[in-house]
Amino acid sequence: MPIQRRDIDGIILLDKPLGWSSNQALGRVKYLLAARKAGHTGSLDPLATGLLPLCFGQATKVSGWLLDADKRYEAVARLGVVTRTGDLEGEVLRECPVPALSATAIERACAGLRGEIQQVPPMYSALKHEGRRLYELARKGVEVERPARAVTVHALTASLIAPDRLRIQVRCSKGTYIRTLVEDLGEALGCGATVAELRRTGHGAFDAADMVSLATLENAADAAGPQGLERWLLPADRALADRPEVRLDAASSRFLRQGQPVFVAGVRDTGPLRLYDPQGTFLGVGQLQDDGRVAPRRLFVSPVSC
């Protein structure tokens, strides 16, 4: 019997399992929740585990801001090895002896990779070249030129956990490839490096504390059906919890729902802004215009309680 899809709104912070693509994980949770509409907010490699926000129903309207949000990662780097894919699953291209590394040498290498840097995307990535995914070309042995892109590494620390292993913590802008960052760190240390483990621990305003495993969701669905998963649904406005909140009076709320910009005293931040009516109902996302009015950018079709 076909599953009865339903309109369900909210965000589930999935702890993506190892070996699953982001689309596979999304499809599984969408099925368990019996949701009609769903989307994820930026792919995690199958090699990576950790925080993958999944948006359902109207919450997909905030996914664009999550795509642009900073990310936080923990990784383990294998020193002395360079592979074709930037991780231990790839063909080994080069092996080098690992020198005795001091904390000072490691910090010096990290310092050179902090701030705004130019990064060449890896061939094993989902970027497109003439309509083809780079990883599709790479699997056929084709390599194409990739222009360097500016990314920002807000924080980067590393420490030895074994003679040939580094534990790395990163906070970075969207578009940053951790495999490339690890490779560049290995080159700076003079021995090369590749990713042995990778875990996303933060995504915008979300962190790992609110994650739920796929096994937990499957057990809940077995016990109580799709409704059993709803305890892990977070309201859509949590995706913008680090952005300013604007409370509107009843008249302004009504005009805003009609798509009209409204004047709100005291708003200084341009946005995005979290907009609420007098009862605390989340109305959507707004932006401060040059004329001082707050204009709606994405509104929810029906009120969603915060």
C-alpha atoms as a PDB file:
ATOM      1  CA  MET A   1       0.000   0.000   0.000  1.00  0.00           C
ATOM      2  CA  PRO A   2       1.505   3.405  -0.974  1.00  0.00           C
ATOM      3  CA  ILE A   3       2.604   5.565   1.940  1.00  0.00           C
ATOM      4  CA  GLN A   4       0.298   8.517   2.647  1.00  0.00           C
ATOM      5  CA  ARG A   5       2.438  11.647   2.408  1.00  0.00           C
ATOM      6  CA  ARG A   6       1.621  14.544   4.707  1.00  0.00           C
ATOM      7  CA  ASP A   7       2.426  18.214   5.140  1.00  0.00           C
ATOM      8  CA  ILE A   8       4.855  18.486   8.033  1.00  0.00           C
ATOM      9  CA  ASP A   9       6.987  21.513   8.939  1.00  0.00           C
ATOM     10  CA  GLY A  10      10.285  21.649  10.795  1.00  0.00           C
ATOM     11  CA  ILE A  11      13.964  20.738  10.837  1.00  0.00           C
ATOM     12  CA  ILE A  12      15.581  17.497  11.955  1.00  0.00           C
ATOM     13  CA  LEU A  13      19.281  17.599  12.782  1.00  0.00           C
ATOM     14  CA  LEU A  14      20.457  14.240  11.558  1.00  0.00           C
ATOM     15  CA  ASP A  15      23.722  12.658  12.629  1.00  0.00           C
ATOM     16  CA  LYS A  16      24.480  11.380   9.125  1.00  0.00           C
ATOM     17  CA  PRO A  17      25.894   7.864   9.219  1.00  0.00           C
ATOM     18  CA  LEU A  18      29.170   6.888   7.630  1.00  0.00           C
ATOM     19  CA  GLY A  19      28.861   5.695   4.034  1.00  0.00           C
ATOM     20  CA  TRP A  20      25.550   7.397   3.296  1.00  0.00           C
ATOM     21  CA  SER A  21      25.222  10.231   0.804  1.00  0.00           C
ATOM     22  CA  SER A  22      23.257  13.276   1.958  1.00  0.00           C
ATOM     23  CA  ASN A  23      20.519  12.506  -0.571  1.00  0.00           C
ATOM     24  CA  GLN A  24      20.240   8.921   0.650  1.00  0.00           C
ATOM     25  CA  ALA A  25      19.916  10.105   4.243  1.00  0.00           C
ATOM     26  CA  LEU A  26      17.329  12.729   3.296  1.00  0.00           C
ATOM     27  CA  GLY A  27      15.287  10.202   1.332  1.00  0.00           C
ATOM     28  CA  ARG A  28      15.268   7.748   4.235  1.00  0.00           C
ATOM     29  CA  VAL A  29      14.159  10.301   6.847  1.00  0.00           C
ATOM     30  CA  LYS A  30      11.574  11.773   4.465  1.00  0.00           C
ATOM     31  CA  TYR A  31      10.140   8.268   4.054  1.00  0.00           C
ATOM     32  CA  LEU A  32      10.121   7.602   7.814  1.00  0.00           C
ATOM     33  CA  LEU A  33       8.416  10.935   8.488  1.00  0.00           C
ATOM     34  CA  ALA A  34       6.008  10.442   5.559  1.00  0.00           C
ATOM     35  CA  ALA A  35       6.754  14.036   4.581  1.00  0.00           C
ATOM     36  CA  ARG A  36       5.506  15.505   1.343  1.00  0.00           C
ATOM     37  CA  LYS A  37       8.314  18.055   0.891  1.00  0.00           C
ATOM     38  CA  ALA A  38      11.919  17.916   2.078  1.00  0.00           C
ATOM     39  CA  GLY A  39      15.418  19.161   1.338  1.00  0.00           C
ATOM     40  CA  HIS A  40      18.873  19.164   2.899  1.00  0.00           C
ATOM     41  CA  THR A  41      21.149  22.130   3.405  1.00  0.00           C
ATOM     42  CA  GLY A  42      24.489  21.267   1.863  1.00  0.00           C
ATOM     43  CA  SER A  43      25.999  17.887   1.125  1.00  0.00           C
ATOM     44  CA  LEU A  44      28.228  15.869   3.383  1.00  0.00           C
ATOM     45  CA  ASP A  45      30.523  13.354   1.696  1.00  0.00           C
ATOM     46  CA  PRO A  46      29.678   9.677   2.303  1.00  0.00           C
ATOM     47  CA  LEU A  47      33.009   9.504   4.183  1.00  0.00           C
ATOM     48  CA  ALA A  48      31.815  12.231   6.583  1.00  0.00           C
ATOM     49  CA  THR A  49      29.485  11.851   9.531  1.00  0.00           C
ATOM     50  CA  GLY A  50      27.715  14.381  11.677  1.00  0.00           C
ATOM     51  CA  LEU A  51      25.357  17.308  11.486  1.00  0.00           C
ATOM     52  CA  LEU A  52      23.081  17.383   8.454  1.00  0.00           C
ATOM     53  CA  PRO A  53      20.040  19.683   8.868  1.00  0.00           C
ATOM     54  CA  LEU A  54      17.030  18.264   7.022  1.00  0.00           C
ATOM     55  CA  CYS A  55      14.220  20.724   6.266  1.00  0.00           C
ATOM     56  CA  PHE A  56      10.612  19.659   5.843  1.00  0.00           C
ATOM     57  CA  GLY A  57       7.595  21.515   4.491  1.00  0.00           C
ATOM     58  CA  GLN A  58       7.729  25.255   5.025  1.00  0.00           C
ATOM     59  CA  ALA A  59      11.104  24.964   6.758  1.00  0.00           C
ATOM     60  CA  THR A  60      12.638  24.465   3.290  1.00  0.00           C
ATOM     61  CA  LYS A  61      12.140  28.232   2.904  1.00  0.00           C
ATOM     62  CA  VAL A  62      15.042  28.877   5.291  1.00  0.00           C
ATOM     63  CA  SER A  63      17.374  26.332   3.686  1.00  0.00           C
ATOM     64  CA  GLY A  64      19.067  29.018   1.585  1.00  0.00           C
ATOM     65  CA  TRP A  65      20.361  30.764   4.694  1.00  0.00           C
ATOM     66  CA  LEU A  66      21.599  27.460   6.079  1.00  0.00           C
ATOM     67  CA  LEU A  67      23.457  26.804   2.833  1.00  0.00           C
ATOM     68  CA  ASP A  68      25.279  30.114   3.328  1.00  0.00           C
ATOM     69  CA  ALA A  69      26.029  29.529   7.022  1.00  0.00           C
ATOM     70  CA  ASP A  70      29.434  28.800   8.516  1.00  0.00           C
ATOM     71  CA  LYS A  71      30.262  25.177   9.323  1.00  0.00           C
ATOM     72  CA  ARG A  72      32.320  23.485  12.041  1.00  0.00           C
ATOM     73  CA  TYR A  73      34.221  20.237  11.605  1.00  0.00           C
ATOM     74  CA  GLU A  74      36.471  17.813  13.444  1.00  0.00           C
ATOM     75  CA  ALA A  75      38.830  15.717  11.350  1.00  0.00           C
ATOM     76  CA  VAL A  76      41.639  13.243  11.774  1.00  0.00           C
ATOM     77  CA  ALA A  77      44.429  13.620   9.227  1.00  0.00           C
ATOM     78  CA  ARG A  78      46.784  10.812   8.272  1.00  0.00           C
ATOM     79  CA  LEU A  79      50.231  12.333   7.797  1.00  0.00           C
ATOM     80  CA  GLY A  80      52.748  11.154   5.231  1.00  0.00           C
ATOM     81  CA  VAL A  81      50.146  10.044   2.657  1.00  0.00           C
ATOM     82  CA  VAL A  82      48.637  11.862  -0.334  1.00  0.00           C
ATOM     83  CA  THR A  83      45.746  10.204  -2.166  1.00  0.00           C
ATOM     84  CA  ARG A  84      43.816  10.889  -5.347  1.00  0.00           C
ATOM     85  CA  THR A  85      40.572  11.649  -3.480  1.00  0.00           C
ATOM     86  CA  GLY A  86      41.990  13.486  -0.466  1.00  0.00           C
ATOM     87  CA  ASP A  87      40.907  10.703   1.890  1.00  0.00           C
ATOM     88  CA  LEU A  88      41.964   7.181   2.763  1.00  0.00           C
ATOM     89  CA  GLU A  89      39.507   5.646   0.312  1.00  0.00           C
ATOM     90  CA  GLY A  90      41.468   6.953  -2.669  1.00  0.00           C
ATOM     91  CA  GLU A  91      44.478   5.616  -4.552  1.00  0.00           C
ATOM     92  CA  VAL A  92      47.753   6.485  -2.832  1.00  0.00           C
ATOM     93  CA  LEU A  93      49.739   8.893  -4.985  1.00  0.00           C
ATOM     94  CA  ARG A  94      52.648   9.619  -2.682  1.00  0.00           C
ATOM     95  CA  GLU A  95      54.059   8.516   0.668  1.00  0.00           C
ATOM     96  CA  CYS A  96      56.553  10.571   2.633  1.00  0.00           C
ATOM     97  CA  PRO A  97      58.321  10.171   5.955  1.00  0.00           C
ATOM     98  CA  VAL A  98      56.706  12.153   8.762  1.00  0.00           C
ATOM     99  CA  PRO A  99      59.149  14.387  10.615  1.00  0.00           C
ATOM    100  CA  ALA A 100      59.036  14.919  14.349  1.00  0.00           C
ATOM    101  CA  LEU A 101      56.490  17.725  14.609  1.00  0.00           C
ATOM    102  CA  SER A 102      56.503  20.233  17.430  1.00  0.00           C
ATOM    103  CA  ALA A 103      53.428  22.126  18.595  1.00  0.00           C
ATOM    104  CA  THR A 104      55.134  25.282  17.296  1.00  0.00           C
ATOM    105  CA  ALA A 105      55.546  23.834  13.785  1.00  0.00           C
ATOM    106  CA  ILE A 106      51.928  22.689  13.711  1.00  0.00           C
ATOM    107  CA  GLU A 107      50.684  26.099  14.853  1.00  0.00           C
ATOM    108  CA  ARG A 108      52.805  27.835  12.229  1.00  0.00           C
ATOM    109  CA  ALA A 109      51.278  25.648   9.504  1.00  0.00           C
ATOM    110  CA  CYS A 110      47.744  26.294  10.796  1.00  0.00           C
ATOM    111  CA  ALA A 111      48.341  30.058  10.993  1.00  0.00           C
ATOM    112  CA  GLY A 112      49.144  30.163   7.288  1.00  0.00           C
ATOM    113  CA  LEU A 113      45.737  28.686   6.473  1.00  0.00           C
ATOM    114  CA  ARG A 114      43.573  30.930   8.653  1.00  0.00           C
ATOM    115  CA  GLY A 115      41.600  33.890   7.385  1.00  0.00           C
ATOM    116  CA  GLU A 116      40.578  34.404   3.773  1.00  0.00           C
ATOM    117  CA  ILE A 117      42.484  31.972   1.571  1.00  0.00           C
ATOM    118  CA  GLN A 118      42.369  30.823  -2.036  1.00  0.00           C
ATOM    119  CA  GLN A 119      41.357  27.186  -2.365  1.00  0.00           C
ATOM    120  CA  VAL A 120      41.276  25.026  -5.489  1.00  0.00           C
ATOM    121  CA  PRO A 121      38.248  22.692  -5.295  1.00  0.00           C
ATOM    122  CA  PRO A 122      39.124  18.986  -5.510  1.00  0.00           C
ATOM    123  CA  MET A 123      38.239  16.931  -8.561  1.00  0.00           C
ATOM    124  CA  TYR A 124      36.271  14.627  -6.288  1.00  0.00           C
ATOM    125  CA  SER A 125      33.578  17.196  -5.563  1.00  0.00           C
ATOM    126  CA  ALA A 126      29.995  17.900  -6.634  1.00  0.00           C
ATOM    127  CA  LEU A 127      30.900  21.092  -8.519  1.00  0.00           C
ATOM    128  CA  LYS A 128      29.985  21.072 -12.195  1.00  0.00           C
ATOM    129  CA  HIS A 129      32.141  21.534 -15.300  1.00  0.00           C
ATOM    130  CA  GLU A 130      30.201  21.951 -18.540  1.00  0.00           C
ATOM    131  CA  GLY A 131      27.182  20.294 -16.959  1.00  0.00           C
ATOM    132  CA  ARG A 132      29.063  17.307 -15.494  1.00  0.00           C
ATOM    133  CA  ARG A 133      29.869  16.745 -11.824  1.00  0.00           C
ATOM    134  CA  LEU A 134      33.599  16.884 -11.215  1.00  0.00           C
ATOM    135  CA  TYR A 135      33.564  13.558  -9.401  1.00  0.00           C
ATOM    136  CA  GLU A 136      32.002  11.929 -12.472  1.00  0.00           C
ATOM    137  CA  LEU A 137      34.889  13.169 -14.603  1.00  0.00           C
ATOM    138  CA  ALA A 138      37.434  12.177 -11.953  1.00  0.00           C
ATOM    139  CA  ARG A 139      36.123   8.604 -11.895  1.00  0.00           C
ATOM    140  CA  LYS A 140      36.785   8.429 -15.647  1.00  0.00           C
ATOM    141  CA  GLY A 141      40.353   9.618 -15.117  1.00  0.00           C
ATOM    142  CA  VAL A 142      39.631  13.091 -16.497  1.00  0.00           C
ATOM    143  CA  GLU A 143      41.046  16.129 -14.741  1.00  0.00           C
ATOM    144  CA  VAL A 144      40.022  19.676 -15.649  1.00  0.00           C
ATOM    145  CA  GLU A 145      41.316  23.041 -14.538  1.00  0.00           C
ATOM    146  CA  ARG A 146      39.448  24.456 -11.526  1.00  0.00           C
ATOM    147  CA  PRO A 147      39.814  28.130 -10.693  1.00  0.00           C
ATOM    148  CA  ALA A 148      40.738  28.918  -7.103  1.00  0.00           C
ATOM    149  CA  ARG A 149      37.968  30.337  -4.939  1.00  0.00           C
ATOM    150  CA  ALA A 150      38.111  32.583  -1.905  1.00  0.00           C
ATOM    151  CA  VAL A 151      36.970  30.909   1.311  1.00  0.00           C
ATOM    152  CA  THR A 152      37.380  31.950   4.932  1.00  0.00           C
ATOM    153  CA  VAL A 153      38.828  29.777   7.679  1.00  0.00           C
ATOM    154  CA  HIS A 154      37.673  31.498  10.850  1.00  0.00           C
ATOM    155  CA  ALA A 155      39.418  29.075  13.194  1.00  0.00           C
ATOM    156  CA  LEU A 156      41.847  26.197  12.679  1.00  0.00           C
ATOM    157  CA  THR A 157      43.668  24.207  15.338  1.00  0.00           C
ATOM    158  CA  ALA A 158      45.518  20.894  15.179  1.00  0.00           C
ATOM    159  CA  SER A 159      47.290  18.597  17.617  1.00  0.00           C
ATOM    160  CA  LEU A 160      49.171  15.309  17.344  1.00  0.00           C
ATOM    161  CA  ILE A 161      47.292  12.263  18.602  1.00  0.00           C
ATOM    162  CA  ALA A 162      49.822   9.785  17.161  1.00  0.00           C
ATOM    163  CA  PRO A 163      53.152  10.172  15.322  1.00  0.00           C
ATOM    164  CA  ASP A 164      51.293  10.144  11.982  1.00  0.00           C
ATOM    165  CA  ARG A 165      47.871  11.467  13.056  1.00  0.00           C
ATOM    166  CA  LEU A 166      46.589  14.985  13.611  1.00  0.00           C
ATOM    167  CA  ARG A 167      43.264  15.909  15.165  1.00  0.00           C
ATOM    168  CA  ILE A 168      41.950  19.049  13.482  1.00  0.00           C
ATOM    169  CA  GLN A 169      39.154  21.445  14.428  1.00  0.00           C
ATOM    170  CA  VAL A 170      37.860  23.921  11.846  1.00  0.00           C
ATOM    171  CA  ARG A 171      35.271  26.692  11.673  1.00  0.00           C
ATOM    172  CA  CYS A 172      34.918  27.902   8.102  1.00  0.00           C
ATOM    173  CA  SER A 173      32.731  29.602   5.536  1.00  0.00           C
ATOM    174  CA  LYS A 174      30.527  27.832   3.038  1.00  0.00           C
ATOM    175  CA  GLY A 175      32.393  26.320   0.096  1.00  0.00           C
ATOM    176  CA  THR A 176      35.438  25.279   2.136  1.00  0.00           C
ATOM    177  CA  TYR A 177      36.701  21.797   1.319  1.00  0.00           C
ATOM    178  CA  ILE A 178      38.164  20.127   4.408  1.00  0.00           C
ATOM    179  CA  ARG A 179      39.987  17.524   2.308  1.00  0.00           C
ATOM    180  CA  THR A 180      41.797  20.314   0.456  1.00  0.00           C
ATOM    181  CA  LEU A 181      42.504  22.119   3.722  1.00  0.00           C
ATOM    182  CA  VAL A 182      44.023  18.938   5.159  1.00  0.00           C
ATOM    183  CA  GLU A 183      46.125  18.443   2.029  1.00  0.00           C
ATOM    184  CA  ASP A 184      47.380  22.032   2.232  1.00  0.00           C
ATOM    185  CA  LEU A 185      48.186  21.577   5.920  1.00  0.00           C
ATOM    186  CA  GLY A 186      50.146  18.439   5.100  1.00  0.00           C
ATOM    187  CA  GLU A 187      52.145  20.297   2.455  1.00  0.00           C
ATOM    188  CA  ALA A 188      52.878  23.078   4.938  1.00  0.00           C
ATOM    189  CA  LEU A 189      54.188  20.441   7.355  1.00  0.00           C
ATOM    190  CA  GLY A 190      56.398  18.973   4.619  1.00  0.00           C
ATOM    191  CA  CYS A 191      54.985  15.447   4.568  1.00  0.00           C
ATOM    192  CA  GLY A 192      51.563  15.572   2.929  1.00  0.00           C
ATOM    193  CA  ALA A 193      48.297  14.498   4.533  1.00  0.00           C
ATOM    194  CA  THR A 194      44.908  13.007   3.756  1.00  0.00           C
ATOM    195  CA  VAL A 195      41.613  12.767   5.644  1.00  0.00           C
ATOM    196  CA  ALA A 196      41.159   9.645   7.745  1.00  0.00           C
ATOM    197  CA  GLU A 197      37.991  10.766   9.564  1.00  0.00           C
ATOM    198  CA  LEU A 198      35.655  13.719   9.092  1.00  0.00           C
ATOM    199  CA  ARG A 199      32.720  14.847  11.209  1.00  0.00           C
ATOM    200  CA  ARG A 200      30.593  18.003  10.972  1.00  0.00           C
ATOM    201  CA  THR A 201      29.916  19.336  14.476  1.00  0.00           C
ATOM    202  CA  GLY A 202      28.204  22.641  13.735  1.00  0.00           C
ATOM    203  CA  HIS A 203      26.126  24.318  11.053  1.00  0.00           C
ATOM    204  CA  GLY A 204      25.166  27.949  11.518  1.00  0.00           C
ATOM    205  CA  ALA A 205      23.178  28.258  14.756  1.00  0.00           C
ATOM    206  CA  PHE A 206      22.975  24.459  15.149  1.00  0.00           C
ATOM    207  CA  ASP A 207      25.447  22.257  16.979  1.00  0.00           C
ATOM    208  CA  ALA A 208      25.950  18.563  17.575  1.00  0.00           C
ATOM    209  CA  ALA A 209      24.082  18.490  20.894  1.00  0.00           C
ATOM    210  CA  ASP A 210      20.688  18.428  19.125  1.00  0.00           C
ATOM    211  CA  MET A 211      21.520  15.703  16.586  1.00  0.00           C
ATOM    212  CA  VAL A 212      19.614  12.436  16.339  1.00  0.00           C
ATOM    213  CA  SER A 213      20.896   9.230  14.775  1.00  0.00           C
ATOM    214  CA  LEU A 214      19.224   7.479  11.876  1.00  0.00           C
ATOM    215  CA  ALA A 215      18.923   4.318  13.992  1.00  0.00           C
ATOM    216  CA  THR A 216      17.003   6.260  16.655  1.00  0.00           C
ATOM    217  CA  LEU A 217      14.614   7.641  14.041  1.00  0.00           C
ATOM    218  CA  GLU A 218      14.054   4.199  12.538  1.00  0.00           C
ATOM    219  CA  ASN A 219      13.305   2.711  15.980  1.00  0.00           C
ATOM    220  CA  ALA A 220      10.850   5.525  16.702  1.00  0.00           C
ATOM    221  CA  ALA A 221       9.106   4.973  13.372  1.00  0.00           C
ATOM    222  CA  ASP A 222       8.856   1.228  14.043  1.00  0.00           C
ATOM    223  CA  ALA A 223       7.318   1.893  17.449  1.00  0.00           C
ATOM    224  CA  ALA A 224       4.904   4.737  16.656  1.00  0.00           C
ATOM    225  CA  GLY A 225       4.870   5.344  12.911  1.00  0.00           C
ATOM    226  CA  PRO A 226       5.731   8.703  11.313  1.00  0.00           C
ATOM    227  CA  GLN A 227       4.358  10.595  14.319  1.00  0.00           C
ATOM    228  CA  GLY A 228       7.079   9.023  16.448  1.00  0.00           C
ATOM    229  CA  LEU A 229       9.681  11.225  14.753  1.00  0.00           C
ATOM    230  CA  GLU A 230       7.953  14.527  15.449  1.00  0.00           C
ATOM    231  CA  ARG A 231       9.622  14.984  18.848  1.00  0.00           C
ATOM    232  CA  TRP A 232      12.863  15.770  16.963  1.00  0.00           C
ATOM    233  CA  LEU A 233      11.322  18.403  14.674  1.00  0.00           C
ATOM    234  CA  LEU A 234      12.706  21.853  15.433  1.00  0.00           C
ATOM    235  CA  PRO A 235      10.820  25.019  14.404  1.00  0.00           C
ATOM    236  CA  ALA A 236      12.051  26.729  11.255  1.00  0.00           C
ATOM    237  CA  ASP A 237      13.126  29.898  13.067  1.00  0.00           C
ATOM    238  CA  ARG A 238      15.801  27.926  14.953  1.00  0.00           C
ATOM    239  CA  ALA A 239      17.807  28.009  11.722  1.00  0.00           C
ATOM    240  CA  LEU A 240      18.154  31.779  12.197  1.00  0.00           C
ATOM    241  CA  ALA A 241      18.529  31.826  15.963  1.00  0.00           C
ATOM    242  CA  ASP A 242      21.715  33.890  15.646  1.00  0.00           C
ATOM    243  CA  ARG A 243      19.926  36.620  13.659  1.00  0.00           C
ATOM    244  CA  PRO A 244      18.001  39.600  15.128  1.00  0.00           C
ATOM    245  CA  GLU A 245      14.375  39.141  16.157  1.00  0.00           C
ATOM    246  CA  VAL A 246      11.771  41.743  15.148  1.00  0.00           C
ATOM    247  CA  ARG A 247       8.343  41.846  16.822  1.00  0.00           C
ATOM    248  CA  LEU A 248       5.601  43.490  14.778  1.00  0.00           C
ATOM    249  CA  ASP A 249       2.320  44.961  15.970  1.00  0.00           C
ATOM    250  CA  ALA A 250      -0.951  43.575  14.668  1.00  0.00           C
ATOM    251  CA  ALA A 251      -1.314  46.103  11.842  1.00  0.00           C
ATOM    252  CA  SER A 252       2.280  45.656  10.628  1.00  0.00           C
ATOM    253  CA  SER A 253       1.900  41.874  10.785  1.00  0.00           C
ATOM    254  CA  ARG A 254      -1.174  42.065   8.588  1.00  0.00           C
ATOM    255  CA  PHE A 255       0.522  44.286   5.994  1.00  0.00           C
ATOM    256  CA  LEU A 256       3.657  42.151   6.017  1.00  0.00           C
ATOM    257  CA  ARG A 257       1.627  38.974   5.401  1.00  0.00           C
ATOM    258  CA  GLN A 258       0.278  40.729   2.311  1.00  0.00           C
ATOM    259  CA  GLY A 259       3.845  41.200   1.080  1.00  0.00           C
ATOM    260  CA  GLN A 260       4.150  44.888   1.971  1.00  0.00           C
ATOM    261  CA  PRO A 261       7.200  46.473   3.632  1.00  0.00           C
ATOM    262  CA  VAL A 262       6.505  48.056   7.028  1.00  0.00           C
ATOM    263  CA  PHE A 263       8.212  50.613   9.258  1.00  0.00           C
ATOM    264  CA  VAL A 264       9.612  49.194  12.491  1.00  0.00           C
ATOM    265  CA  ALA A 265      11.303  51.482  15.007  1.00  0.00           C
ATOM    266  CA  GLY A 266      14.788  50.627  16.209  1.00  0.00           C
ATOM    267  CA  VAL A 267      15.819  48.120  13.532  1.00  0.00           C
ATOM    268  CA  ARG A 268      19.458  48.639  12.535  1.00  0.00           C
ATOM    269  CA  ASP A 269      20.648  45.287  11.238  1.00  0.00           C
ATOM    270  CA  THR A 270      19.960  44.841   7.517  1.00  0.00           C
ATOM    271  CA  GLY A 271      19.152  41.158   7.854  1.00  0.00           C
ATOM    272  CA  PRO A 272      18.178  38.496   7.526  1.00  0.00           C
ATOM    273  CA  LEU A 273      15.657  39.274  10.288  1.00  0.00           C
ATOM    274  CA  ARG A 274      13.342  36.892  12.132  1.00  0.00           C
ATOM    275  CA  LEU A 275       9.838  38.361  12.005  1.00  0.00           C
ATOM    276  CA  TYR A 276       7.129  37.619  14.598  1.00  0.00           C
ATOM    277  CA  ASP A 277       3.590  38.835  15.250  1.00  0.00           C
ATOM    278  CA  PRO A 278       2.441  40.069  18.710  1.00  0.00           C
ATOM    279  CA  GLN A 279       1.627  36.486  19.791  1.00  0.00           C
ATOM    280  CA  GLY A 280       5.128  35.264  19.000  1.00  0.00           C
ATOM    281  CA  THR A 281       4.172  33.441  15.809  1.00  0.00           C
ATOM    282  CA  PHE A 282       7.033  33.224  13.352  1.00  0.00           C
ATOM    283  CA  LEU A 283       5.986  34.966  10.144  1.00  0.00           C
ATOM    284  CA  GLY A 284       9.116  34.513   8.060  1.00  0.00           C
ATOM    285  CA  VAL A 285      12.351  36.236   7.127  1.00  0.00           C
ATOM    286  CA  GLY A 286      12.754  39.934   6.364  1.00  0.00           C
ATOM    287  CA  GLN A 287      15.343  42.469   5.227  1.00  0.00           C
ATOM    288  CA  LEU A 288      15.833  46.130   6.152  1.00  0.00           C
ATOM    289  CA  GLN A 289      15.528  48.368   3.088  1.00  0.00           C
ATOM    290  CA  ASP A 290      17.400  51.608   2.430  1.00  0.00           C
ATOM    291  CA  ASP A 291      14.249  53.609   3.243  1.00  0.00           C
ATOM    292  CA  GLY A 292      14.090  52.113   6.752  1.00  0.00           C
ATOM    293  CA  ARG A 293      11.214  49.733   6.097  1.00  0.00           C
ATOM    294  CA  VAL A 294      11.384  46.006   6.777  1.00  0.00           C
ATOM    295  CA  ALA A 295      10.487  44.031   3.646  1.00  0.00           C
ATOM    296  CA  PRO A 296       9.493  40.348   3.623  1.00  0.00           C
ATOM    297  CA  ARG A 297      11.884  37.994   1.856  1.00  0.00           C
ATOM    298  CA  ARG A 298      10.358  34.601   2.637  1.00  0.00           C
ATOM    299  CA  LEU A 299       6.976  34.326   4.325  1.00  0.00           C
ATOM    300  CA  PHE A 300       5.229  31.247   5.618  1.00  0.00           C
ATOM    301  CA  VAL A 301       1.919  30.442   3.972  1.00  0.00           C
ATOM    302  CA  SER A 302       0.223  29.893   7.304  1.00  0.00           C
ATOM    303  CA  PRO A 303       1.363  30.917  10.785  1.00  0.00           C
ATOM    304  CA  VAL A 304       3.993  28.672  12.324  1.00  0.00           C
ATOM    305  CA  SER A 305       4.361  28.819  16.098  1.00  0.00           C
ATOM    306  CA  CYS A 306       7.811  29.420  17.465  1.00  0.00           C
END
